[in-house]
C-alpha atoms as a PDB file:
ATOM      1  CA  MET A   1     123.925 148.499  88.965  1.00  0.00           C
ATOM      2  CA  SER A   2     126.788 150.655  89.373  1.00  0.00           C
ATOM      3  CA  SER A   3     126.656 154.536  88.972  1.00  0.00           C
ATOM      4  CA  ILE A   4     130.212 155.868  87.300  1.00  0.00           C
ATOM      5  CA  ARG A   5     130.688 159.337  86.369  1.00  0.00           C
ATOM      6  CA  ILE A   6     132.878 161.014  84.171  1.00  0.00           C
ATOM      7  CA  PRO A   7     133.964 163.382  83.043  1.00  0.00           C
ATOM      8  CA  GLY A   8     132.021 164.984  79.512  1.00  0.00           C
ATOM      9  CA  PRO A   9     134.078 165.039  76.447  1.00  0.00           C
ATOM     10  CA  GLY A  10     133.951 168.713  76.298  1.00  0.00           C
ATOM     11  CA  ALA A  11     136.803 168.531  79.430  1.00  0.00           C
ATOM     12  CA  LEU A  12     139.871 168.467  76.614  1.00  0.00           C
ATOM     13  CA  LEU A  13     142.022 167.675  79.764  1.00  0.00           C
ATOM     14  CA  PRO A  14     141.906 165.780  83.286  1.00  0.00           C
ATOM     15  CA  VAL A  15     140.254 168.724  85.200  1.00  0.00           C
ATOM     16  CA  ASP A  16     136.742 169.091  86.721  1.00  0.00           C
ATOM     17  CA  MET A  17     134.385 170.870  84.227  1.00  0.00           C
ATOM     18  CA  THR A  18     134.054 173.095  86.829  1.00  0.00           C
ATOM     19  CA  ALA A  19     137.404 174.849  85.890  1.00  0.00           C
ATOM     20  CA  LEU A  20     136.209 175.577  82.467  1.00  0.00           C
ATOM     21  CA  VAL A  21     133.732 177.306  83.642  1.00  0.00           C
ATOM     22  CA  SER A  22     134.217 180.789  85.125  1.00  0.00           C
ATOM     23  CA  GLY A  23     132.307 181.598  88.855  1.00  0.00           C
ATOM     24  CA  THR A  24     130.169 178.301  89.133  1.00  0.00           C
ATOM     25  CA  SER A  25     130.935 175.217  91.102  1.00  0.00           C
ATOM     26  CA  GLU A  26     127.883 173.354  89.765  1.00  0.00           C
ATOM     27  CA  LYS A  27     128.729 169.508  88.265  1.00  0.00           C
ATOM     28  CA  HIS A  28     125.693 169.127  87.016  1.00  0.00           C
ATOM     29  CA  ASP A  29     127.563 168.397  83.117  1.00  0.00           C
ATOM     30  CA  MET A  30     129.485 165.148  84.351  1.00  0.00           C
ATOM     31  CA  ALA A  31     128.027 162.520  82.208  1.00  0.00           C
ATOM     32  CA  GLU A  32     126.712 159.358  83.609  1.00  0.00           C
ATOM     33  CA  VAL A  33     127.363 156.136  82.191  1.00  0.00           C
ATOM     34  CA  ARG A  34     125.631 152.689  84.124  1.00  0.00           C
ATOM     35  CA  LEU A  35     127.161 149.370  83.799  1.00  0.00           C
ATOM     36  CA  ASN A  36     125.970 145.982  84.245  1.00  0.00           C
ATOM     37  CA  GLU A  37     127.834 145.018  87.878  1.00  0.00           C
ATOM     38  CA  SER A  38     127.867 141.366  87.118  1.00  0.00           C
ATOM     39  CA  SER A  39     129.599 142.021  83.659  1.00  0.00           C
ATOM     40  CA  LEU A  40     132.763 143.775  85.881  1.00  0.00           C
ATOM     41  CA  VAL A  41     132.658 140.102  88.049  1.00  0.00           C
ATOM     42  CA  GLU A  42     134.195 137.302  86.726  1.00  0.00           C
ATOM     43  CA  GLY A  43     133.484 133.665  88.299  1.00  0.00           C
ATOM     44  CA  GLY A  44     130.395 134.696  90.238  1.00  0.00           C
ATOM     45  CA  GLY A  45     131.411 137.180  92.483  1.00  0.00           C
ATOM     46  CA  ARG A  46     132.718 136.637  96.130  1.00  0.00           C
ATOM     47  CA  ALA A  47     130.418 135.791  99.292  1.00  0.00           C
ATOM     48  CA  ASN A  48     129.720 138.217 101.943  1.00  0.00           C
ATOM     49  CA  GLN A  49     129.127 136.932 105.532  1.00  0.00           C
ATOM     50  CA  GLY A  50     125.159 136.182 104.851  1.00  0.00           C
ATOM     51  CA  GLY A  51     126.682 133.618 102.219  1.00  0.00           C
ATOM     52  CA  GLU A  52     124.979 135.263  99.305  1.00  0.00           C
ATOM     53  CA  ALA A  53     127.311 136.516  96.459  1.00  0.00           C
ATOM     54  CA  ASP A  54     127.519 140.752  96.500  1.00  0.00           C
ATOM     55  CA  ILE A  55     127.372 140.761  92.343  1.00  0.00           C
ATOM     56  CA  ASN A  56     124.456 142.593  92.967  1.00  0.00           C
ATOM     57  CA  ARG A  57     125.512 145.351  95.380  1.00  0.00           C
ATOM     58  CA  GLU A  58     124.828 148.808  94.830  1.00  0.00           C
ATOM     59  CA  ALA A  59     128.867 150.348  94.317  1.00  0.00           C
ATOM     60  CA  ARG A  60     128.604 153.908  95.703  1.00  0.00           C
ATOM     61  CA  GLY A  61     131.507 156.323  95.174  1.00  0.00           C
ATOM     62  CA  VAL A  62     133.462 155.078  92.007  1.00  0.00           C
ATOM     63  CA  ARG A  63     134.932 158.062  89.407  1.00  0.00           C
ATOM     64  CA  THR A  64     136.326 157.426  87.345  1.00  0.00           C
ATOM     65  CA  ARG A  65     138.478 160.249  84.893  1.00  0.00           C
ATOM     66  CA  GLN A  66     139.511 159.966  81.411  1.00  0.00           C
ATOM     67  CA  ARG A  67     142.193 161.697  79.986  1.00  0.00           C
ATOM     68  CA  GLN A  68     141.274 162.688  76.484  1.00  0.00           C
ATOM     69  CA  ARG A  69     144.447 163.271  74.473  1.00  0.00           C
ATOM     70  CA  HIS A  70     144.770 166.485  72.653  1.00  0.00           C
ATOM     71  CA  ARG A  71     144.056 166.472  68.964  1.00  0.00           C
ATOM     72  CA  PRO A  72     147.405 167.860  67.575  1.00  0.00           C
ATOM     73  CA  SER A  73     146.962 171.913  65.638  1.00  0.00           C
ATOM     74  CA  THR A  74     148.014 172.094  61.938  1.00  0.00           C
ATOM     75  CA  LEU A  75     149.034 175.377  61.376  1.00  0.00           C
ATOM     76  CA  ALA A  76     150.382 176.284  58.092  1.00  0.00           C
ATOM     77  CA  PHE A  77     151.931 179.907  58.972  1.00  0.00           C
ATOM     78  CA  CYS A  78     154.021 182.629  56.507  1.00  0.00           C
ATOM     79  CA  SER A  79     156.580 179.569  55.029  1.00  0.00           C
ATOM     80  CA  GLY A  80     153.642 177.477  54.238  1.00  0.00           C
ATOM     81  CA  GLU A  81     155.625 174.709  56.417  1.00  0.00           C
ATOM     82  CA  VAL A  82     153.414 173.195  59.231  1.00  0.00           C
ATOM     83  CA  GLN A  83     154.954 174.641  62.294  1.00  0.00           C
ATOM     84  CA  ALA A  84     152.817 173.546  65.063  1.00  0.00           C
ATOM     85  CA  GLU A  85     152.010 169.346  65.422  1.00  0.00           C
ATOM     86  CA  ASN A  86     152.463 169.763  69.238  1.00  0.00           C
ATOM     87  CA  PRO A  87     149.162 169.346  71.311  1.00  0.00           C
ATOM     88  CA  VAL A  88     147.346 172.500  71.952  1.00  0.00           C
ATOM     89  CA  SER A  89     147.833 174.354  75.113  1.00  0.00           C
ATOM     90  CA  VAL A  90     145.160 174.964  78.298  1.00  0.00           C
ATOM     91  CA  LYS A  91     145.736 178.579  77.982  1.00  0.00           C
ATOM     92  CA  SER A  92     145.142 178.609  73.871  1.00  0.00           C
ATOM     93  CA  TYR A  93     141.483 177.342  74.334  1.00  0.00           C
ATOM     94  CA  SER A  94     140.548 179.012  78.117  1.00  0.00           C
ATOM     95  CA  GLU A  95     141.183 182.451  76.078  1.00  0.00           C
ATOM     96  CA  LEU A  96     137.837 181.210  74.737  1.00  0.00           C
ATOM     97  CA  ASP A  97     136.757 180.705  78.028  1.00  0.00           C
ATOM     98  CA  GLY A  98     135.178 177.519  77.101  1.00  0.00           C
ATOM     99  CA  TYR A  99     132.425 178.989  75.512  1.00  0.00           C
ATOM    100  CA  CYS A 100     133.207 177.633  71.719  1.00  0.00           C
ATOM    101  CA  GLU A 101     131.977 174.016  70.862  1.00  0.00           C
ATOM    102  CA  PHE A 102     134.984 172.704  68.933  1.00  0.00           C
ATOM    103  CA  GLY A 103     133.511 169.038  67.949  1.00  0.00           C
ATOM    104  CA  PHE A 104     136.034 166.925  69.624  1.00  0.00           C
ATOM    105  CA  PRO A 105     135.232 163.501  69.015  1.00  0.00           C
ATOM    106  CA  ALA A 106     133.539 161.169  71.626  1.00  0.00           C
ATOM    107  CA  THR A 107     135.488 159.830  74.702  1.00  0.00           C
ATOM    108  CA  SER A 108     136.037 156.133  74.990  1.00  0.00           C
ATOM    109  CA  PHE A 109     137.562 154.556  77.869  1.00  0.00           C
ATOM    110  CA  GLU A 110     137.816 150.437  79.365  1.00  0.00           C
ATOM    111  CA  LEU A 111     137.610 149.390  82.832  1.00  0.00           C
ATOM    112  CA  GLY A 112     139.134 145.841  82.219  1.00  0.00           C
ATOM    113  CA  SER A 113     137.725 143.833  79.311  1.00  0.00           C
ATOM    114  CA  LEU A 114     134.358 146.250  79.279  1.00  0.00           C
ATOM    115  CA  ALA A 115     134.819 149.081  76.578  1.00  0.00           C
ATOM    116  CA  ALA A 116     132.505 152.139  76.646  1.00  0.00           C
ATOM    117  CA  THR A 117     131.880 155.420  74.391  1.00  0.00           C
ATOM    118  CA  LEU A 118     130.959 158.558  75.171  1.00  0.00           C
ATOM    119  CA  PRO A 119     128.739 160.796  72.911  1.00  0.00           C
ATOM    120  CA  ARG A 120     130.011 164.308  72.853  1.00  0.00           C
ATOM    121  CA  VAL A 121     128.583 166.970  75.430  1.00  0.00           C
ATOM    122  CA  SER A 122     127.784 169.742  73.351  1.00  0.00           C
ATOM    123  CA  SER A 123     127.994 173.812  74.518  1.00  0.00           C
ATOM    124  CA  SER A 124     123.878 174.022  75.299  1.00  0.00           C
ATOM    125  CA  LYS A 125     124.347 170.995  77.577  1.00  0.00           C
ATOM    126  CA  LEU A 126     127.020 172.582  79.515  1.00  0.00           C
ATOM    127  CA  ASP A 127     125.572 176.088  79.527  1.00  0.00           C
ATOM    128  CA  LEU A 128     127.445 178.265  77.710  1.00  0.00           C
ATOM    129  CA  ARG A 129     126.555 180.554  74.915  1.00  0.00           C
ATOM    130  CA  ASN A 130     127.295 179.321  71.163  1.00  0.00           C
ATOM    131  CA  SER A 131     127.475 183.063  69.066  1.00  0.00           C
ATOM    132  CA  LYS A 132     128.160 183.972  65.584  1.00  0.00           C
ATOM    133  CA  LEU A 133     131.354 184.969  66.874  1.00  0.00           C
ATOM    134  CA  ASP A 134     131.970 181.356  68.219  1.00  0.00           C
ATOM    135  CA  GLU A 135     130.653 180.199  64.763  1.00  0.00           C
ATOM    136  CA  VAL A 136     133.369 182.395  63.132  1.00  0.00           C
ATOM    137  CA  VAL A 137     136.140 181.386  65.244  1.00  0.00           C
ATOM    138  CA  ARG A 138     135.613 177.675  64.730  1.00  0.00           C
ATOM    139  CA  ALA A 139     135.073 177.809  60.699  1.00  0.00           C
ATOM    140  CA  PHE A 140     138.309 179.719  60.052  1.00  0.00           C
ATOM    141  CA  GLY A 141     139.828 177.440  62.372  1.00  0.00           C
ATOM    142  CA  LYS A 142     138.887 174.600  59.684  1.00  0.00           C
ATOM    143  CA  VAL A 143     140.337 176.467  56.990  1.00  0.00           C
ATOM    144  CA  PHE A 144     143.803 174.684  56.749  1.00  0.00           C
ATOM    145  CA  ASP A 145     144.020 170.999  55.202  1.00  0.00           C
ATOM    146  CA  GLY A 146     147.101 170.126  56.077  1.00  0.00           C
ATOM    147  CA  ARG A 147     149.911 173.592  54.885  1.00  0.00           C
ATOM    148  CA  GLU A 148     146.991 174.197  52.141  1.00  0.00           C
ATOM    149  CA  ILE A 149     143.817 176.482  52.301  1.00  0.00           C
ATOM    150  CA  SER A 150     140.435 174.511  51.719  1.00  0.00           C
ATOM    151  CA  VAL A 151     138.139 176.570  49.201  1.00  0.00           C
ATOM    152  CA  CYS A 152     135.516 174.794  50.538  1.00  0.00           C
ATOM    153  CA  ARG A 153     135.659 175.317  54.024  1.00  0.00           C
ATOM    154  CA  LEU A 154     137.286 179.225  53.210  1.00  0.00           C
ATOM    155  CA  ILE A 155     133.745 179.851  51.806  1.00  0.00           C
ATOM    156  CA  LYS A 156     131.705 178.065  54.431  1.00  0.00           C
ATOM    157  CA  ALA A 157     134.041 180.651  56.779  1.00  0.00           C
ATOM    158  CA  ILE A 158     133.663 183.624  54.931  1.00  0.00           C
ATOM    159  CA  ARG A 159     129.772 183.036  54.582  1.00  0.00           C
ATOM    160  CA  ALA A 160     129.835 182.686  58.394  1.00  0.00           C
ATOM    161  CA  HIS A 161     131.868 185.707  59.037  1.00  0.00           C
ATOM    162  CA  LEU A 162     129.327 187.954  57.023  1.00  0.00           C
ATOM    163  CA  GLU A 163     126.958 187.138  59.398  1.00  0.00           C
ATOM    164  CA  LEU A 164     128.870 188.576  62.245  1.00  0.00           C
ATOM    165  CA  MET A 165     129.791 191.416  60.305  1.00  0.00           C
ATOM    166  CA  ARG A 166     126.060 192.087  59.695  1.00  0.00           C
ATOM    167  CA  SER A 167     125.372 192.314  63.719  1.00  0.00           C
ATOM    168  CA  GLY A 168     128.655 194.976  63.989  1.00  0.00           C
ATOM    169  CA  GLY A 169     126.616 197.755  62.644  1.00  0.00           C
ATOM    170  CA  VAL A 170     126.022 200.151  59.199  1.00  0.00           C
ATOM    171  CA  ALA A 171     129.763 200.784  58.466  1.00  0.00           C
ATOM    172  CA  LEU A 172     130.551 197.065  58.695  1.00  0.00           C
ATOM    173  CA  SER A 173     127.543 195.871  56.915  1.00  0.00           C
ATOM    174  CA  LEU A 174     128.564 197.920  53.848  1.00  0.00           C
ATOM    175  CA  VAL A 175     131.868 196.161  53.583  1.00  0.00           C
ATOM    176  CA  ALA A 176     130.083 192.885  54.015  1.00  0.00           C
ATOM    177  CA  LYS A 177     127.655 193.766  51.253  1.00  0.00           C
ATOM    178  CA  ASP A 178     130.948 194.669  48.719  1.00  0.00           C
ATOM    179  CA  LEU A 179     132.431 190.974  50.375  1.00  0.00           C
ATOM    180  CA  GLU A 180     129.864 188.476  49.401  1.00  0.00           C
ATOM    181  CA  SER A 181     129.915 190.195  45.856  1.00  0.00           C
ATOM    182  CA  ASN A 182     133.087 189.240  45.660  1.00  0.00           C
ATOM    183  CA  LEU A 183     132.260 185.804  47.454  1.00  0.00           C
ATOM    184  CA  CYS A 184     129.939 185.214  44.458  1.00  0.00           C
ATOM    185  CA  LYS A 185     132.489 184.962  41.949  1.00  0.00           C
ATOM    186  CA  VAL A 186     134.625 182.557  43.772  1.00  0.00           C
ATOM    187  CA  GLU A 187     131.395 180.305  44.828  1.00  0.00           C
ATOM    188  CA  GLN A 188     130.678 180.627  40.925  1.00  0.00           C
ATOM    189  CA  LEU A 189     134.251 179.289  40.056  1.00  0.00           C
ATOM    190  CA  TYR A 190     134.195 176.513  42.622  1.00  0.00           C
ATOM    191  CA  ARG A 191     130.214 175.149  41.906  1.00  0.00           C
ATOM    192  CA  ARG A 192     131.363 174.478  38.419  1.00  0.00           C
ATOM    193  CA  HIS A 193     135.454 173.315  39.127  1.00  0.00           C
ATOM    194  CA  PRO A 194     134.856 171.481  42.406  1.00  0.00           C
ATOM    195  CA  ASN A 195     137.777 169.258  41.707  1.00  0.00           C
ATOM    196  CA  GLU A 196     140.151 171.498  40.144  1.00  0.00           C
ATOM    197  CA  CYS A 197     139.544 173.988  42.701  1.00  0.00           C
ATOM    198  CA  LYS A 198     139.889 172.515  45.894  1.00  0.00           C
ATOM    199  CA  THR A 199     142.217 174.141  47.108  1.00  0.00           C
ATOM    200  CA  LEU A 200     143.458 177.994  46.906  1.00  0.00           C
ATOM    201  CA  ALA A 201     146.154 177.266  44.872  1.00  0.00           C
ATOM    202  CA  SER A 202     144.857 174.828  42.702  1.00  0.00           C
ATOM    203  CA  LEU A 203     141.349 177.532  41.995  1.00  0.00           C
ATOM    204  CA  LEU A 204     144.432 180.158  41.411  1.00  0.00           C
ATOM    205  CA  GLU A 205     146.649 178.334  38.892  1.00  0.00           C
ATOM    206  CA  PHE A 206     143.078 176.492  36.997  1.00  0.00           C
ATOM    207  CA  GLU A 207     141.230 179.582  36.433  1.00  0.00           C
ATOM    208  CA  ARG A 208     145.117 180.863  34.903  1.00  0.00           C
ATOM    209  CA  ASP A 209     146.644 178.301  33.227  1.00  0.00           C
ATOM    210  CA  GLU A 210     143.577 176.783  31.987  1.00  0.00           C
ATOM    211  CA  MET A 211     140.761 179.444  31.696  1.00  0.00           C
ATOM    212  CA  LEU A 212     143.811 182.147  30.063  1.00  0.00           C
ATOM    213  CA  ILE A 213     141.189 184.995  31.288  1.00  0.00           C
ATOM    214  CA  HIS A 214     144.092 187.109  33.036  1.00  0.00           C
ATOM    215  CA  ARG A 215     146.273 189.485  31.544  1.00  0.00           C
ATOM    216  CA  GLY A 216     149.857 188.714  33.958  1.00  0.00           C
ATOM    217  CA  ASN A 217     148.909 190.121  36.645  1.00  0.00           C
ATOM    218  CA  GLU A 218     146.027 192.236  35.641  1.00  0.00           C
ATOM    219  CA  LEU A 219     142.802 190.129  36.683  1.00  0.00           C
ATOM    220  CA  GLU A 220     139.773 189.448  35.089  1.00  0.00           C
ATOM    221  CA  GLU A 221     137.296 191.997  36.788  1.00  0.00           C
ATOM    222  CA  ASP A 222     134.622 188.858  37.512  1.00  0.00           C
ATOM    223  CA  SER A 223     137.414 186.040  37.734  1.00  0.00           C
ATOM    224  CA  ALA A 224     137.575 183.872  40.805  1.00  0.00           C
ATOM    225  CA  ALA A 225     141.313 185.469  41.661  1.00  0.00           C
ATOM    226  CA  MET A 226     139.922 188.985  41.545  1.00  0.00           C
ATOM    227  CA  GLY A 227     137.199 188.344  44.096  1.00  0.00           C
ATOM    228  CA  LEU A 228     139.930 186.568  46.386  1.00  0.00           C
ATOM    229  CA  LEU A 229     142.282 189.439  46.287  1.00  0.00           C
ATOM    230  CA  TRP A 230     139.240 192.049  47.834  1.00  0.00           C
ATOM    231  CA  ILE A 231     138.344 189.461  50.019  1.00  0.00           C
ATOM    232  CA  ARG A 232     141.844 189.410  51.160  1.00  0.00           C
ATOM    233  CA  ARG A 233     141.809 193.104  51.353  1.00  0.00           C
ATOM    234  CA  SER A 234     138.815 193.404  53.315  1.00  0.00           C
ATOM    235  CA  MET A 235     139.801 190.677  55.646  1.00  0.00           C
ATOM    236  CA  SER A 236     142.921 192.081  56.543  1.00  0.00           C
ATOM    237  CA  PHE A 237     141.149 195.813  56.881  1.00  0.00           C
ATOM    238  CA  GLN A 238     138.753 193.505  59.479  1.00  0.00           C
ATOM    239  CA  LEU A 239     141.664 191.759  61.448  1.00  0.00           C
ATOM    240  CA  LEU A 240     143.119 195.052  62.053  1.00  0.00           C
ATOM    241  CA  LEU A 241     139.802 196.541  63.471  1.00  0.00           C
ATOM    242  CA  TYR A 242     139.153 193.470  65.742  1.00  0.00           C
ATOM    243  CA  ASP A 243     142.682 194.030  67.031  1.00  0.00           C
ATOM    244  CA  SER A 244     142.123 197.503  68.276  1.00  0.00           C
ATOM    245  CA  LEU A 245     138.691 196.198  70.223  1.00  0.00           C
ATOM    246  CA  VAL A 246     140.600 193.723  72.306  1.00  0.00           C
ATOM    247  CA  PRO A 247     142.412 196.280  74.712  1.00  0.00           C
ATOM    248  CA  THR A 248     139.844 197.762  77.272  1.00  0.00           C
ATOM    249  CA  ILE A 249     141.297 201.268  77.144  1.00  0.00           C
ATOM    250  CA  GLY A 250     142.399 201.822  73.758  1.00  0.00           C
ATOM    251  CA  LYS A 251     141.639 203.898  70.437  1.00  0.00           C
ATOM    252  CA  HIS A 252     138.437 204.663  69.963  1.00  0.00           C
ATOM    253  CA  PRO A 253     136.738 202.377  67.102  1.00  0.00           C
ATOM    254  CA  LYS A 254     136.199 204.971  63.982  1.00  0.00           C
ATOM    255  CA  GLN A 255     140.050 206.092  64.938  1.00  0.00           C
ATOM    256  CA  ALA A 256     141.302 202.145  64.757  1.00  0.00           C
ATOM    257  CA  ALA A 257     138.910 201.930  61.267  1.00  0.00           C
ATOM    258  CA  GLN A 258     140.327 204.767  59.456  1.00  0.00           C
ATOM    259  CA  GLU A 259     143.741 203.834  60.364  1.00  0.00           C
ATOM    260  CA  ALA A 260     143.421 199.943  59.039  1.00  0.00           C
ATOM    261  CA  TYR A 261     141.730 201.354  55.750  1.00  0.00           C
ATOM    262  CA  GLN A 262     144.949 203.629  55.389  1.00  0.00           C
ATOM    263  CA  GLU A 263     146.925 200.629  55.703  1.00  0.00           C
ATOM    264  CA  THR A 264     145.110 197.469  53.915  1.00  0.00           C
ATOM    265  CA  LEU A 265     142.446 199.344  51.290  1.00  0.00           C
ATOM    266  CA  ALA A 266     143.352 202.673  50.609  1.00  0.00           C
ATOM    267  CA  PRO A 267     146.440 202.200  48.636  1.00  0.00           C
ATOM    268  CA  TYR A 268     143.700 200.251  45.697  1.00  0.00           C
ATOM    269  CA  HIS A 269     141.453 203.068  45.568  1.00  0.00           C
ATOM    270  CA  GLY A 270     141.000 205.805  44.050  1.00  0.00           C
ATOM    271  CA  TRP A 271     140.149 209.289  45.359  1.00  0.00           C
ATOM    272  CA  MET A 272     136.492 209.293  44.486  1.00  0.00           C
ATOM    273  CA  LEU A 273     136.199 205.869  46.454  1.00  0.00           C
ATOM    274  CA  ARG A 274     138.375 206.578  49.445  1.00  0.00           C
ATOM    275  CA  THR A 275     136.470 209.639  50.600  1.00  0.00           C
ATOM    276  CA  LEU A 276     133.179 207.944  49.854  1.00  0.00           C
ATOM    277  CA  PHE A 277     134.689 204.680  51.982  1.00  0.00           C
ATOM    278  CA  GLN A 278     136.185 206.938  54.917  1.00  0.00           C
ATOM    279  CA  ALA A 279     132.631 209.047  55.234  1.00  0.00           C
ATOM    280  CA  SER A 280     131.306 205.530  55.413  1.00  0.00           C
ATOM    281  CA  LEU A 281     133.270 204.636  58.614  1.00  0.00           C
ATOM    282  CA  GLN A 282     131.073 205.767  61.237  1.00  0.00           C
ATOM    283  CA  MET A 283     132.027 203.105  63.771  1.00  0.00           C
ATOM    284  CA  PRO A 284     129.968 203.121  67.326  1.00  0.00           C
ATOM    285  CA  ALA A 285     131.643 203.255  70.630  1.00  0.00           C
ATOM    286  CA  ARG A 286     133.441 200.516  72.039  1.00  0.00           C
ATOM    287  CA  PRO A 287     130.779 198.918  73.987  1.00  0.00           C
ATOM    288  CA  THR A 288     128.174 198.874  71.278  1.00  0.00           C
ATOM    289  CA  PHE A 289     130.881 197.000  69.451  1.00  0.00           C
ATOM    290  CA  ILE A 290     131.494 194.178  72.580  1.00  0.00           C
ATOM    291  CA  ALA A 291     127.558 194.132  72.558  1.00  0.00           C
ATOM    292  CA  ALA A 292     126.846 193.197  69.145  1.00  0.00           C
ATOM    293  CA  PHE A 293     129.310 190.675  69.255  1.00  0.00           C
ATOM    294  CA  GLY A 294     128.372 189.449  72.706  1.00  0.00           C
ATOM    295  CA  GLU A 295     125.063 189.209  71.169  1.00  0.00           C
ATOM    296  CA  VAL A 296     123.419 191.128  74.348  1.00  0.00           C
ATOM    297  CA  ASP A 297     122.000 194.698  74.760  1.00  0.00           C
ATOM    298  CA  VAL A 298     124.659 197.573  75.367  1.00  0.00           C
ATOM    299  CA  SER A 299     123.198 197.836  79.065  1.00  0.00           C
ATOM    300  CA  GLU A 300     123.941 194.258  79.792  1.00  0.00           C
ATOM    301  CA  VAL A 301     128.094 194.992  79.214  1.00  0.00           C
ATOM    302  CA  ASP A 302     129.548 194.289  82.555  1.00  0.00           C
ATOM    303  CA  SER A 303     133.462 193.347  82.952  1.00  0.00           C
ATOM    304  CA  GLN A 304     132.955 189.478  82.527  1.00  0.00           C
ATOM    305  CA  THR A 305     130.951 190.030  79.022  1.00  0.00           C
ATOM    306  CA  ASP A 306     133.760 192.277  77.556  1.00  0.00           C
ATOM    307  CA  THR A 307     136.791 189.749  78.543  1.00  0.00           C
ATOM    308  CA  LYS A 308     135.084 186.780  77.336  1.00  0.00           C
ATOM    309  CA  VAL A 309     134.256 189.100  73.920  1.00  0.00           C
ATOM    310  CA  ALA A 310     137.569 190.108  73.774  1.00  0.00           C
ATOM    311  CA  ASN A 311     139.221 186.700  74.206  1.00  0.00           C
ATOM    312  CA  LYS A 312     137.315 185.684  71.345  1.00  0.00           C
ATOM    313  CA  LEU A 313     138.089 188.567  68.914  1.00  0.00           C
ATOM    314  CA  ARG A 314     142.029 187.547  69.960  1.00  0.00           C
ATOM    315  CA  ALA A 315     141.340 184.022  68.899  1.00  0.00           C
ATOM    316  CA  LEU A 316     139.890 185.113  65.740  1.00  0.00           C
ATOM    317  CA  VAL A 317     142.827 187.719  65.213  1.00  0.00           C
ATOM    318  CA  SER A 318     145.166 184.560  66.247  1.00  0.00           C
ATOM    319  CA  THR A 319     143.605 182.272  63.190  1.00  0.00           C
ATOM    320  CA  LEU A 320     142.965 184.868  60.530  1.00  0.00           C
ATOM    321  CA  GLU A 321     146.654 185.987  60.818  1.00  0.00           C
ATOM    322  CA  PRO A 322     148.462 183.188  59.342  1.00  0.00           C
ATOM    323  CA  LEU A 323     145.307 182.399  56.719  1.00  0.00           C
ATOM    324  CA  LEU A 324     146.082 186.285  55.335  1.00  0.00           C
ATOM    325  CA  GLN A 325     149.686 185.531  55.435  1.00  0.00           C
ATOM    326  CA  ARG A 326     149.547 182.218  53.282  1.00  0.00           C
ATOM    327  CA  TRP A 327     147.033 183.699  51.437  1.00  0.00           C
ATOM    328  CA  THR A 328     149.282 186.722  50.437  1.00  0.00           C
ATOM    329  CA  ASP A 329     152.258 184.127  49.536  1.00  0.00           C
ATOM    330  CA  CYS A 330     150.040 182.273  47.130  1.00  0.00           C
ATOM    331  CA  PHE A 331     149.115 185.503  45.176  1.00  0.00           C
ATOM    332  CA  VAL A 332     152.647 186.554  44.969  1.00  0.00           C
ATOM    333  CA  ALA A 333     154.435 183.097  43.924  1.00  0.00           C
ATOM    334  CA  MET A 334     151.915 183.394  41.339  1.00  0.00           C
ATOM    335  CA  ASP A 335     152.307 186.999  40.272  1.00  0.00           C
ATOM    336  CA  LEU A 336     148.833 187.383  40.716  1.00  0.00           C
ATOM    337  CA  GLU A 337     148.799 190.247  43.038  1.00  0.00           C
ATOM    338  CA  ASP A 338     146.720 193.180  41.032  1.00  0.00           C
ATOM    339  CA  THR A 339     148.187 196.604  42.309  1.00  0.00           C
ATOM    340  CA  ARG A 340     145.938 198.218  40.225  1.00  0.00           C
ATOM    341  CA  LYS A 341     143.285 201.188  41.968  1.00  0.00           C
ATOM    342  CA  VAL A 342     139.794 201.538  41.212  1.00  0.00           C
END
């Protein structure tokens, strides 16, 4: 029997897996595939000096490196056109520091006439953390279906994001409660008409043209469109807050939250709601946020943890920006941008 060791499928490039794990030289995450030596030798093998065939000789030190093609990234940006069809660069994935298991397909390789397929190695096998923040980045990264926003995937991503928000303290928990009530409006329509509501655009069009519940751009209060409008505004607020947490030295989260609120939500809140909302924005210090999103105790936050969480937040911001822009474009194109104050 011969032992062939190849990089696990979690490795996206032809590099040693240790390059994906900072500060370690362990190679225990290399997958092993054992092949019958006789299947690699045709015609019975070659006789050695003793006259015996060496088919069963133990082969040692054989190492095969497998290159796995990158999956193309398909992103719909502001124009609504797919702008990126090139393989994702090393840097874009390494920003997550190898912590996210993105569910890449199994790795296949051929050796002569013998083919083998390796199952994908999960992040747990690599001794890497898979946190709520990872789940959110991964979920929102799957929302686009070509240039369209998939409603089913969007609902799943927002559900994952609600869990992250609840871990961010009292202020974000209050925002999460309001976001969830709006999400329920979307879920109700999607459950009743899944075929008509596969994409964001088709959902908005169906509710506007078939259900006839809006008055121009004055949306029905309990409609899915109204829910999606306020979800988008809430997500825009959170995007600016997360972006402010990326720099190690920057604004206090409370100041960042106040500024984000003024830009995204305040224009649509009446005087009373503005007063109540701003009073609720009692944000903790940055290390507390980093600890919550990194799922560690505040006392355990060091420079390495800080960098990893900041990189994941940066990845989340980069994922949300084109999504929210396309989201806005859909509402504007259908004249559903309700600007009334509440």
